[in-house]
Amino acid sequence: SPCAPLDEALRAAIHSRAQADHLRNTLAPALIELLASMVPALRKSDLHQDAPPRR
């Protein structure tokens, strides 16, 4: 049928959207945890850098 390519594209889009949602749901918490664990270390390294004194 003439709609076959469109159906295929739609199905692929829906599938990739589902994959994106799945990735977001699984990766986001891990990334947030990683960032949260990195932030204190980043703050400490900021303190140890020679920053010009503020007046």
C-alpha atoms as a PDB file:
ATOM      1  CA  SER A   1       0.000   0.000   0.000  1.00  0.00           C
ATOM      2  CA  PRO A   2       1.156   3.579  -0.564  1.00  0.00           C
ATOM      3  CA  CYS A   3       1.101   4.195   3.184  1.00  0.00           C
ATOM      4  CA  ALA A   4       3.588   1.431   3.962  1.00  0.00           C
ATOM      5  CA  PRO A   5       6.690   3.689   4.090  1.00  0.00           C
ATOM      6  CA  LEU A   6       4.839   6.120   6.336  1.00  0.00           C
ATOM      7  CA  ASP A   7       3.706   3.287   8.606  1.00  0.00           C
ATOM      8  CA  GLU A   8       7.280   2.033   8.817  1.00  0.00           C
ATOM      9  CA  ALA A   9       8.594   5.489   9.676  1.00  0.00           C
ATOM     10  CA  LEU A  10       5.888   5.963  12.287  1.00  0.00           C
ATOM     11  CA  ARG A  11       6.605   2.587  13.851  1.00  0.00           C
ATOM     12  CA  ALA A  12      10.335   3.339  13.933  1.00  0.00           C
ATOM     13  CA  ALA A  13       9.693   6.737  15.508  1.00  0.00           C
ATOM     14  CA  ILE A  14       7.448   5.251  18.189  1.00  0.00           C
ATOM     15  CA  HIS A  15      10.034   2.551  18.881  1.00  0.00           C
ATOM     16  CA  SER A  16      12.906   5.024  19.182  1.00  0.00           C
ATOM     17  CA  ARG A  17      10.728   7.224  21.394  1.00  0.00           C
ATOM     18  CA  ALA A  18      10.090   4.264  23.682  1.00  0.00           C
ATOM     19  CA  GLN A  19      13.820   3.517  23.740  1.00  0.00           C
ATOM     20  CA  ALA A  20      14.576   7.149  24.581  1.00  0.00           C
ATOM     21  CA  ASP A  21      12.085   7.087  27.453  1.00  0.00           C
ATOM     22  CA  HIS A  22      13.589   3.840  28.709  1.00  0.00           C
ATOM     23  CA  LEU A  23      17.108   5.273  28.536  1.00  0.00           C
ATOM     24  CA  ARG A  24      16.006   8.438  30.290  1.00  0.00           C
ATOM     25  CA  ASN A  25      14.334   6.467  33.075  1.00  0.00           C
ATOM     26  CA  THR A  26      17.330   4.210  33.641  1.00  0.00           C
ATOM     27  CA  LEU A  27      20.195   6.614  32.975  1.00  0.00           C
ATOM     28  CA  ALA A  28      18.879   9.790  34.575  1.00  0.00           C
ATOM     29  CA  PRO A  29      18.946   8.510  38.178  1.00  0.00           C
ATOM     30  CA  ALA A  30      22.442   7.094  37.674  1.00  0.00           C
ATOM     31  CA  LEU A  31      23.677  10.347  36.160  1.00  0.00           C
ATOM     32  CA  ILE A  32      22.115  12.373  38.964  1.00  0.00           C
ATOM     33  CA  GLU A  33      23.784  10.145  41.559  1.00  0.00           C
ATOM     34  CA  LEU A  34      27.110  10.465  39.770  1.00  0.00           C
ATOM     35  CA  LEU A  35      26.820  14.251  39.629  1.00  0.00           C
ATOM     36  CA  ALA A  36      25.782  14.422  43.275  1.00  0.00           C
ATOM     37  CA  SER A  37      28.827  12.389  44.267  1.00  0.00           C
ATOM     38  CA  MET A  38      31.093  14.585  42.141  1.00  0.00           C
ATOM     39  CA  VAL A  39      29.825  17.944  43.371  1.00  0.00           C
ATOM     40  CA  PRO A  40      31.422  17.841  46.851  1.00  0.00           C
ATOM     41  CA  ALA A  41      34.760  16.903  45.274  1.00  0.00           C
ATOM     42  CA  LEU A  42      34.426  19.750  42.787  1.00  0.00           C
ATOM     43  CA  ARG A  43      33.624  22.189  45.576  1.00  0.00           C
ATOM     44  CA  LYS A  44      36.665  21.033  47.555  1.00  0.00           C
ATOM     45  CA  SER A  45      38.962  21.437  44.565  1.00  0.00           C
ATOM     46  CA  ASP A  46      37.514  24.928  44.018  1.00  0.00           C
ATOM     47  CA  LEU A  47      38.463  25.860  47.572  1.00  0.00           C
ATOM     48  CA  HIS A  48      42.033  24.668  47.108  1.00  0.00           C
ATOM     49  CA  GLN A  49      42.628  26.716  43.983  1.00  0.00           C
ATOM     50  CA  ASP A  50      44.414  30.021  44.401  1.00  0.00           C
ATOM     51  CA  ALA A  51      41.524  32.388  43.948  1.00  0.00           C
ATOM     52  CA  PRO A  52      42.182  36.116  44.141  1.00  0.00           C
ATOM     53  CA  PRO A  53      40.962  37.458  47.506  1.00  0.00           C
ATOM     54  CA  ARG A  54      37.555  39.083  47.331  1.00  0.00           C
ATOM     55  CA  ARG A  55      37.109  42.543  48.772  1.00  0.00           C
END
